């Protein structure tokens, strides 16, 4: 049995051993299972969730509002971990919408903190100890001075120093996966967009790019990074932009010029893949991999979350098929929410998409959103939730050839 953890108004954490912790699975409160919990990992951060009533289990096994004084405690996970349960609370006190983070349930046993998560990938490249080093600001200034007219470097420098973005920082560390944002516009209006939200919604954790770079600006950074970075990857489609496929002509020309100057490394794009015409141009230019964002393989849930302007899920599938046929390595960036993606219906639809569109890998990502916001616009699937550990087991058993993890890996397409 795991005990309830809460926070006071100053953010101090406490364990109440008179009550047991619960988690939220879809719209149901559940008792966490042993396979859904791990000790709080290095790099995780604790956060209080104000304006909500914690829900706990008493010694008689009854679910109830916490009778004491305190706020819900949650955890934000580092990369490489997948959330299994959300914190258990009721949105009944008029609290403001939560910032767009992936809140995981927290509990305690024998005085040690546990979080509702499972490890799903290992890659030391993304260990927080490699980032936000004392020399980062100096590195940013040095590269910006080397390319003083490159506006992309000004953008990613801001993201590196202000938001702590790892892919932005990698541009200045000259290693691994580095982000190159290119698009201030998007063809979707995701309710969980981290760079642009309507004023009446929740605060966005990033500020979106405000310009379209030139081909030369993209090529300048791309060649520099691929030539100098260990396991070098450049990725279009960052948290600070819209969908990069909206700048398909720019990206296609940049890829062509980059590959004329260097054959090193991987060129990747993170995209919703709704712009199939643009995806076709980018694939023809020689991109190595595509990571396609998806919250659901069910049309109704997909439409409710992405709110696409001029495409639908069938266009996304067409883009995936087109890319696979041309030898592009295709990932799904599966925005995962416990109690939704682990249902029987969702799993069946996801497996069908993976098989029919010849998807090579599935990256599990925690959907960053206030649960109340999601429930307001997305009708939760009326199907049995198996739990996230069971969902991962089904994927591994049904499509063993598909890589399940969290990270984009180096890959070079054969042209």
Protein backbone atom coordinates (compact mmCIF):
# COMPACT_ATOMS: atom_id res chain seq x y z
CA UNK A 1 0.00 0.00 0.00
CA UNK A 2 1.32 3.43 -0.93
CA UNK A 3 0.61 6.49 1.17
CA UNK A 4 -0.77 9.86 0.13
CA UNK A 5 1.64 12.72 -0.60
CA UNK A 6 0.54 16.36 -0.59
CA UNK A 7 1.89 19.91 -0.64
CA UNK A 8 1.17 22.99 1.43
CA UNK A 9 0.70 26.46 -0.06
CA UNK A 10 4.44 27.12 0.11
CA UNK A 11 5.18 24.02 -1.95
CA UNK A 12 6.55 21.91 0.91
CA UNK A 13 5.79 18.21 0.56
CA UNK A 14 4.37 15.85 3.20
CA UNK A 15 3.39 12.20 3.58
CA UNK A 16 0.12 11.37 5.31
CA UNK A 17 0.31 7.74 6.41
CA UNK A 18 -3.34 7.71 7.51
CA UNK A 19 -4.47 7.72 3.86
CA UNK A 20 -3.49 5.80 0.74
CA UNK A 21 -2.68 7.23 -2.66
CA UNK A 22 -4.86 6.89 -5.75
CA UNK A 23 -4.24 7.65 -9.40
CA UNK A 24 -6.40 8.80 -12.28
CA UNK A 25 -6.89 6.42 -15.23
CA UNK A 26 -9.07 8.10 -17.84
CA UNK A 27 -11.94 9.42 -15.75
CA UNK A 28 -11.67 6.74 -13.03
CA UNK A 29 -9.84 6.81 -9.70
CA UNK A 30 -7.78 3.65 -9.18
CA UNK A 31 -5.35 2.22 -6.67
CA UNK A 32 -1.84 2.08 -8.21
CA UNK A 33 -0.47 -1.38 -8.91
CA UNK A 34 3.10 -2.45 -8.24
CA UNK A 35 3.83 -2.60 -11.99
CA UNK A 36 2.72 1.03 -12.37
CA UNK A 37 5.14 2.57 -9.85
CA UNK A 38 8.88 3.19 -9.64
CA UNK A 39 11.03 5.13 -7.18
CA UNK A 40 11.16 8.80 -8.17
CA UNK A 41 13.93 8.85 -10.82
CA UNK A 42 16.81 11.27 -11.18
CA UNK A 43 15.73 14.30 -13.17
CA UNK A 44 12.07 14.16 -12.12
CA UNK A 45 10.62 17.27 -10.50
CA UNK A 46 7.81 17.58 -7.99
CA UNK A 47 5.06 20.14 -8.46
CA UNK A 48 1.98 21.08 -6.49
CA UNK A 49 -1.39 21.25 -8.26
CA UNK A 50 -3.49 23.94 -6.55
CA UNK A 51 -7.21 24.61 -6.83
CA UNK A 52 -8.18 20.93 -6.89
CA UNK A 53 -9.41 18.56 -4.19
CA UNK A 54 -7.13 15.53 -3.68
CA UNK A 55 -8.88 12.15 -3.78
CA UNK A 56 -7.53 9.44 -1.47
CA UNK A 57 -8.40 6.04 -0.06
CA UNK A 58 -8.98 5.63 3.66
CA UNK A 59 -8.03 2.64 5.78
CA UNK A 60 -11.44 1.02 5.04
CA UNK A 61 -10.83 1.12 1.29
CA UNK A 62 -13.25 3.99 0.64
CA UNK A 63 -12.43 6.64 -1.97
CA UNK A 64 -12.97 10.17 -0.62
CA UNK A 65 -11.85 13.77 -0.77
CA UNK A 66 -8.81 14.31 1.41
CA UNK A 67 -10.15 15.64 4.73
CA UNK A 68 -6.93 17.45 5.61
CA UNK A 69 -5.48 20.70 4.31
CA UNK A 70 -3.18 20.46 1.33
CA UNK A 71 -2.84 20.46 -2.43
CA UNK A 72 -2.29 17.58 -4.81
CA UNK A 73 1.34 16.67 -5.46
CA UNK A 74 2.42 15.54 -8.94
CA UNK A 75 5.66 14.78 -10.72
CA UNK A 76 7.08 15.86 -14.09
CA UNK A 77 9.10 13.03 -15.57
CA UNK A 78 12.41 13.21 -17.41
CA UNK A 79 12.65 11.77 -20.90
CA UNK A 80 12.86 8.00 -21.05
CA UNK A 81 9.90 7.43 -18.70
CA UNK A 82 6.24 6.92 -19.53
CA UNK A 83 3.49 7.99 -17.13
CA UNK A 84 1.07 5.29 -16.01
CA UNK A 85 -1.41 7.30 -13.91
CA UNK A 86 -2.27 10.95 -13.37
CA UNK A 87 -2.65 12.50 -9.90
CA UNK A 88 -6.07 11.82 -8.36
CA UNK A 89 -8.06 14.99 -7.88
CA UNK A 90 -11.39 16.67 -8.51
CA UNK A 91 -11.51 19.94 -10.43
CA UNK A 92 -14.09 21.39 -8.04
CA UNK A 93 -12.51 24.46 -6.47
CA UNK A 94 -12.37 26.77 -9.47
CA UNK A 95 -8.63 26.48 -9.94
CA UNK A 96 -7.01 28.13 -12.97
CA UNK A 97 -6.13 25.90 -15.95
CA UNK A 98 -2.87 24.07 -15.36
CA UNK A 99 0.26 24.78 -17.41
CA UNK A 100 0.80 22.25 -20.19
CA UNK A 101 2.89 19.58 -18.49
CA UNK A 102 2.59 15.81 -18.14
CA UNK A 103 1.53 15.39 -14.51
CA UNK A 104 2.15 11.94 -13.00
CA UNK A 105 0.79 10.60 -9.70
CA UNK A 106 3.13 10.58 -6.70
CA UNK A 107 2.93 8.44 -3.56
CA UNK A 108 5.17 7.13 -0.79
CA UNK A 109 6.17 3.85 0.82
CA UNK A 110 8.47 3.46 3.82
CA UNK A 111 9.31 7.16 3.54
CA UNK A 112 10.46 6.89 -0.08
CA UNK A 113 8.74 8.71 -2.93
CA UNK A 114 7.34 6.76 -5.87
CA UNK A 115 5.91 7.97 -9.14
CA UNK A 116 3.37 6.40 -11.50
CA UNK A 117 5.70 5.63 -14.38
CA UNK A 118 7.69 2.94 -16.15
CA UNK A 119 11.08 3.28 -17.88
CA UNK A 120 10.65 2.93 -21.64
CA UNK A 121 14.02 3.89 -23.12
CA UNK A 122 17.64 4.27 -22.14
CA UNK A 123 19.82 6.91 -23.74
CA UNK A 124 22.38 8.75 -21.66
CA UNK A 125 22.38 11.52 -24.26
CA UNK A 126 19.19 12.87 -22.67
CA UNK A 127 20.31 12.70 -19.04
CA UNK A 128 19.70 16.16 -17.52
CA UNK A 129 23.25 16.22 -16.17
CA UNK A 130 24.49 16.87 -19.71
CA UNK A 131 22.48 20.09 -20.04
CA UNK A 132 22.29 23.59 -18.56
CA UNK A 133 26.01 23.56 -17.82
CA UNK A 134 27.88 26.60 -16.55
CA UNK A 135 29.41 27.28 -19.98
CA UNK A 136 26.13 27.17 -21.93
CA UNK A 137 25.69 30.95 -22.20
CA UNK A 138 29.28 31.26 -23.41
CA UNK A 139 28.67 28.56 -26.03
CA UNK A 140 25.52 30.31 -27.22
CA UNK A 141 27.34 33.61 -27.62
CA UNK A 142 30.26 31.97 -29.42
CA UNK A 143 28.14 30.29 -32.10
CA UNK A 144 25.91 33.33 -32.52
CA UNK A 145 29.01 35.44 -33.07
CA UNK A 146 30.26 32.97 -35.67
CA UNK A 147 27.00 33.32 -37.62
CA UNK A 148 25.89 36.85 -36.59
CA UNK A 149 23.11 37.21 -39.17
CA UNK A 150 21.46 33.85 -38.50
CA UNK A 151 18.07 34.47 -36.93
CA UNK A 152 17.53 30.78 -36.20
CA UNK A 153 20.51 30.85 -33.86
CA UNK A 154 18.94 33.80 -32.04
CA UNK A 155 15.72 31.79 -31.64
CA UNK A 156 17.32 28.55 -30.45
CA UNK A 157 19.66 30.52 -28.21
CA UNK A 158 16.62 31.99 -26.49
CA UNK A 159 15.04 28.54 -26.22
CA UNK A 160 18.26 27.06 -24.84
CA UNK A 161 18.77 29.67 -22.14
CA UNK A 162 15.18 30.61 -21.27
CA UNK A 163 13.25 27.35 -21.69
CA UNK A 164 16.08 24.88 -21.15
CA UNK A 165 15.20 23.11 -24.41
CA UNK A 166 17.57 20.17 -24.86
CA UNK A 167 17.49 20.05 -28.67
CA UNK A 168 18.17 23.79 -28.78
CA UNK A 169 21.07 23.39 -26.36
CA UNK A 170 22.56 20.58 -28.46
CA UNK A 171 23.05 23.04 -31.32
CA UNK A 172 25.48 24.95 -29.08
CA UNK A 173 27.04 21.87 -27.51
CA UNK A 174 27.58 20.65 -31.11
CA UNK A 175 26.36 17.12 -30.44
CA UNK A 176 23.47 14.67 -30.91
CA UNK A 177 20.00 15.90 -31.95
CA UNK A 178 19.76 19.64 -32.60
CA UNK A 179 16.56 21.52 -33.38
CA UNK A 180 16.09 23.87 -36.34
CA UNK A 181 12.70 25.65 -36.16
CA UNK A 182 11.40 27.00 -39.48
CA UNK A 183 7.62 27.52 -39.36
CA UNK A 184 5.62 30.20 -37.51
CA UNK A 185 2.36 28.74 -38.84
CA UNK A 186 0.51 25.47 -38.44
CA UNK A 187 -2.27 23.50 -40.11
CA UNK A 188 -3.69 22.32 -36.76
CA UNK A 189 -4.95 23.98 -33.58
CA UNK A 190 -3.98 21.41 -30.97
CA UNK A 191 -5.60 21.92 -27.59
CA UNK A 192 -2.26 20.91 -26.08
CA UNK A 193 -0.03 23.14 -28.24
CA UNK A 194 2.95 24.25 -26.17
CA UNK A 195 3.77 27.34 -28.22
CA UNK A 196 0.42 28.96 -29.06
CA UNK A 197 -2.81 29.03 -27.06
CA UNK A 198 -5.82 31.39 -27.07
CA UNK A 199 -5.70 33.98 -24.31
CA UNK A 200 -8.57 32.40 -22.38
CA UNK A 201 -6.74 29.09 -22.19
CA UNK A 202 -3.74 27.94 -20.22
CA UNK A 203 -0.29 29.57 -20.40
CA UNK A 204 1.98 28.25 -23.16
CA UNK A 205 5.39 27.19 -21.85
CA UNK A 206 7.16 28.49 -25.00
CA UNK A 207 6.92 31.42 -27.41
CA UNK A 208 6.45 30.56 -31.08
CA UNK A 209 8.85 31.50 -33.85
CA UNK A 210 7.78 34.75 -35.56
CA UNK A 211 9.60 34.53 -38.91
CA UNK A 212 10.34 32.18 -41.80
CA UNK A 213 14.11 31.71 -42.13
CA UNK A 214 15.97 31.74 -45.41
CA UNK A 215 17.35 28.60 -47.00
CA UNK A 216 20.84 29.92 -46.27
CA UNK A 217 20.10 30.27 -42.55
CA UNK A 218 18.90 26.66 -42.40
CA UNK A 219 21.80 25.31 -44.45
CA UNK A 220 24.35 27.24 -42.39
CA UNK A 221 23.25 25.63 -39.13
CA UNK A 222 22.47 22.24 -40.65
CA UNK A 223 25.87 21.75 -42.24
CA UNK A 224 27.69 23.05 -39.18
CA UNK A 225 25.84 20.69 -36.85
CA UNK A 226 26.07 17.56 -39.01
CA UNK A 227 29.75 18.13 -39.70
CA UNK A 228 30.69 18.69 -36.06
CA UNK A 229 28.22 16.75 -33.93
CA UNK A 230 28.75 13.26 -32.55
CA UNK A 231 25.75 11.13 -33.62
CA UNK A 232 24.53 14.28 -35.35
CA UNK A 233 20.83 14.78 -36.09
CA UNK A 234 19.12 17.96 -37.23
CA UNK A 235 15.38 18.07 -36.60
CA UNK A 236 12.78 20.35 -38.10
CA UNK A 237 9.63 20.68 -36.02
CA UNK A 238 10.34 22.01 -32.54
CA UNK A 239 8.15 23.06 -29.62
CA UNK A 240 8.64 26.71 -30.53
CA UNK A 241 7.06 26.47 -34.00
CA UNK A 242 4.03 25.35 -35.95
CA UNK A 243 4.23 22.42 -38.34
CA UNK A 244 7.42 22.45 -40.44
CA UNK A 245 5.73 20.85 -43.46
CA UNK A 246 4.06 24.23 -44.01
CA UNK A 247 7.52 25.34 -45.20
CA UNK A 248 8.02 22.28 -47.41
CA UNK A 249 9.71 24.12 -50.30
CA UNK A 250 12.17 25.74 -47.90
CA UNK A 251 13.00 22.45 -46.18
CA UNK A 252 13.31 20.52 -49.44
CA UNK A 253 15.75 23.05 -50.90
CA UNK A 254 17.70 23.18 -47.63
CA UNK A 255 18.02 19.38 -47.54
CA UNK A 256 19.28 19.38 -51.12
CA UNK A 257 21.93 22.00 -50.37
CA UNK A 258 22.95 20.41 -47.06
CA UNK A 259 23.49 17.04 -48.73
CA UNK A 260 25.58 18.70 -51.43
CA UNK A 261 27.95 19.82 -48.67
CA UNK A 262 27.88 16.89 -46.23
CA UNK A 263 26.71 13.30 -46.19
CA UNK A 264 27.11 13.03 -42.43
CA UNK A 265 24.39 12.54 -39.86
CA UNK A 266 20.60 12.30 -39.92
CA UNK A 267 18.05 14.81 -41.19
CA UNK A 268 14.76 14.37 -39.34
CA UNK A 269 11.42 16.16 -39.20
CA UNK A 270 8.81 16.16 -36.43
CA UNK A 271 5.41 16.78 -38.01
CA UNK A 272 1.70 16.10 -37.84
CA UNK A 273 2.05 14.84 -41.46
CA UNK A 274 -1.28 16.31 -42.50
CA UNK A 275 0.25 18.17 -45.45
CA UNK A 276 0.84 15.14 -47.67
CA UNK A 277 1.87 17.25 -50.66
CA UNK A 278 4.53 18.95 -48.57
CA UNK A 279 5.68 15.65 -47.06
CA UNK A 280 6.12 14.27 -50.60
CA UNK A 281 8.45 17.15 -51.53
CA UNK A 282 10.50 16.72 -48.38
CA UNK A 283 10.82 12.96 -48.85
CA UNK A 284 11.86 13.44 -52.49
CA UNK A 285 14.58 15.84 -51.35
CA UNK A 286 16.17 13.08 -49.26
CA UNK A 287 15.06 13.41 -45.65
CA UNK A 288 16.15 10.43 -43.54
CA UNK A 289 13.38 10.12 -40.95
CA UNK A 290 9.95 11.43 -40.03
CA UNK A 291 8.49 11.48 -36.54
CA UNK A 292 4.73 11.84 -36.89
CA UNK A 293 2.75 13.21 -33.96
CA UNK A 294 -0.41 11.32 -33.10
CA UNK A 295 -2.66 11.30 -30.04
CA UNK A 296 -4.95 8.58 -31.37
CA UNK A 297 -5.49 6.31 -34.35
CA UNK A 298 -9.23 6.90 -34.00
CA UNK A 299 -10.58 9.67 -36.24
CA UNK A 300 -12.93 11.17 -33.62
CA UNK A 301 -10.27 11.49 -30.93
CA UNK A 302 -7.68 12.69 -33.43
CA UNK A 303 -9.94 15.44 -34.75
CA UNK A 304 -10.96 16.54 -31.24
CA UNK A 305 -7.37 17.04 -30.11
CA UNK A 306 -5.61 18.32 -33.24
CA UNK A 307 -8.54 20.29 -34.66
CA UNK A 308 -6.90 20.23 -38.12
CA UNK A 309 -7.62 23.11 -40.48
CA UNK A 310 -7.46 21.37 -43.84
CA UNK A 311 -6.64 17.68 -43.39
CA UNK A 312 -7.78 14.57 -41.52
CA UNK A 313 -6.34 11.33 -40.19
CA UNK A 314 -6.47 9.68 -43.62
CA UNK A 315 -4.01 12.33 -44.89
CA UNK A 316 -1.66 11.49 -42.02
CA UNK A 317 -1.84 7.81 -42.97
CA UNK A 318 -1.18 8.67 -46.62
CA UNK A 319 1.93 10.63 -45.62
CA UNK A 320 3.23 7.74 -43.52
CA UNK A 321 2.71 5.28 -46.35
CA UNK A 322 4.36 7.57 -48.89
CA UNK A 323 7.39 8.08 -46.67
CA UNK A 324 7.78 4.36 -45.92
CA UNK A 325 7.60 3.50 -49.62
CA UNK A 326 10.53 5.86 -50.26
CA UNK A 327 12.71 4.35 -47.56
CA UNK A 328 12.22 7.08 -44.97
CA UNK A 329 12.38 5.79 -41.39
CA UNK A 330 8.99 6.57 -39.83
CA UNK A 331 8.25 7.01 -36.14
CA UNK A 332 4.99 7.65 -34.40
CA UNK A 333 5.25 10.29 -31.70
CA UNK A 334 2.38 8.81 -29.67
CA UNK A 335 1.01 11.41 -27.26
CA UNK A 336 -0.08 9.04 -24.53
CA UNK A 337 -2.75 9.58 -21.90
CA UNK A 338 -3.50 6.85 -19.34
CA UNK A 339 -7.05 5.58 -19.73
CA UNK A 340 -7.24 6.57 -23.41
CA UNK A 341 -4.41 5.04 -25.44
CA UNK A 342 -4.40 1.86 -23.35
CA UNK A 343 -8.01 0.96 -24.12
CA UNK A 344 -8.86 -2.06 -26.24
CA UNK A 345 -10.40 0.02 -29.03
CA UNK A 346 -7.48 2.41 -29.23
CA UNK A 347 -4.92 -0.37 -29.25
CA UNK A 348 -6.71 -2.19 -32.09
CA UNK A 349 -6.79 0.98 -34.20
CA UNK A 350 -3.16 1.78 -33.41
CA UNK A 351 -1.94 -1.69 -34.35
CA UNK A 352 -3.85 -1.48 -37.62
CA UNK A 353 -2.20 1.85 -38.46
CA UNK A 354 1.29 0.61 -37.55
CA UNK A 355 0.88 -2.46 -39.75
CA UNK A 356 -0.84 -0.86 -42.75
CA UNK A 357 1.41 2.22 -42.85
CA UNK A 358 4.61 0.21 -42.23
CA UNK A 359 5.65 2.28 -39.21
CA UNK A 360 9.15 1.41 -38.00
CA UNK A 361 9.08 2.77 -34.43
CA UNK A 362 6.74 4.18 -31.80
CA UNK A 363 7.96 6.88 -29.46
CA UNK A 364 5.81 7.05 -26.35
CA UNK A 365 5.39 10.63 -25.15
CA UNK A 366 3.35 11.83 -22.19
CA UNK A 367 0.51 14.07 -23.35
CA UNK A 368 1.08 17.42 -21.66
CA UNK A 369 -2.33 18.79 -20.74
CA UNK A 370 -4.68 19.70 -17.91
CA UNK A 371 -7.00 16.66 -17.52
CA UNK A 372 -10.03 18.93 -17.24
CA UNK A 373 -9.14 20.56 -20.56
CA UNK A 374 -8.87 17.20 -22.31
CA UNK A 375 -12.12 15.90 -20.87
CA UNK A 376 -13.93 19.07 -22.00
CA UNK A 377 -13.20 18.44 -25.67
CA UNK A 378 -12.38 14.75 -26.01
CA UNK A 379 -14.98 12.11 -25.28
CA UNK A 380 -13.07 9.36 -23.53
CA UNK A 381 -13.26 6.03 -25.32
CA UNK A 382 -15.99 3.72 -24.03
CA UNK A 383 -13.69 0.73 -23.87
CA UNK A 384 -11.82 -1.15 -21.15
CA UNK A 385 -8.54 0.47 -20.10
CA UNK A 386 -5.80 -2.13 -19.77
CA UNK A 387 -3.26 0.16 -18.13
CA UNK A 388 -0.08 1.58 -19.65
CA UNK A 389 2.20 -1.39 -18.74
CA UNK A 390 -0.26 -3.76 -20.44
CA UNK A 391 -0.46 -1.47 -23.48
CA UNK A 392 3.33 -1.56 -23.86
CA UNK A 393 3.30 -5.36 -23.54
CA UNK A 394 0.64 -5.67 -26.26
CA UNK A 395 2.67 -3.50 -28.64
CA UNK A 396 5.82 -5.52 -28.02
CA UNK A 397 3.98 -8.81 -28.54
CA UNK A 398 1.88 -7.84 -31.56
CA UNK A 399 4.50 -5.87 -33.52
CA UNK A 400 7.85 -7.16 -32.21
CA UNK A 401 9.71 -5.75 -35.22
CA UNK A 402 8.65 -2.20 -34.28
CA UNK A 403 10.96 -0.34 -31.91
CA UNK A 404 9.19 0.99 -28.81
CA UNK A 405 10.97 3.81 -27.01
CA UNK A 406 11.21 7.55 -26.47
CA UNK A 407 14.06 8.89 -28.58
CA UNK A 408 14.89 9.69 -32.19
CA UNK A 409 17.91 7.65 -33.23
CA UNK A 410 20.54 8.23 -35.93
CA UNK A 411 19.47 6.81 -39.31
CA UNK A 412 20.67 7.37 -42.85
CA UNK A 413 18.36 6.65 -45.72
CA UNK A 414 19.74 4.91 -48.75
CA UNK A 415 19.04 7.02 -51.82
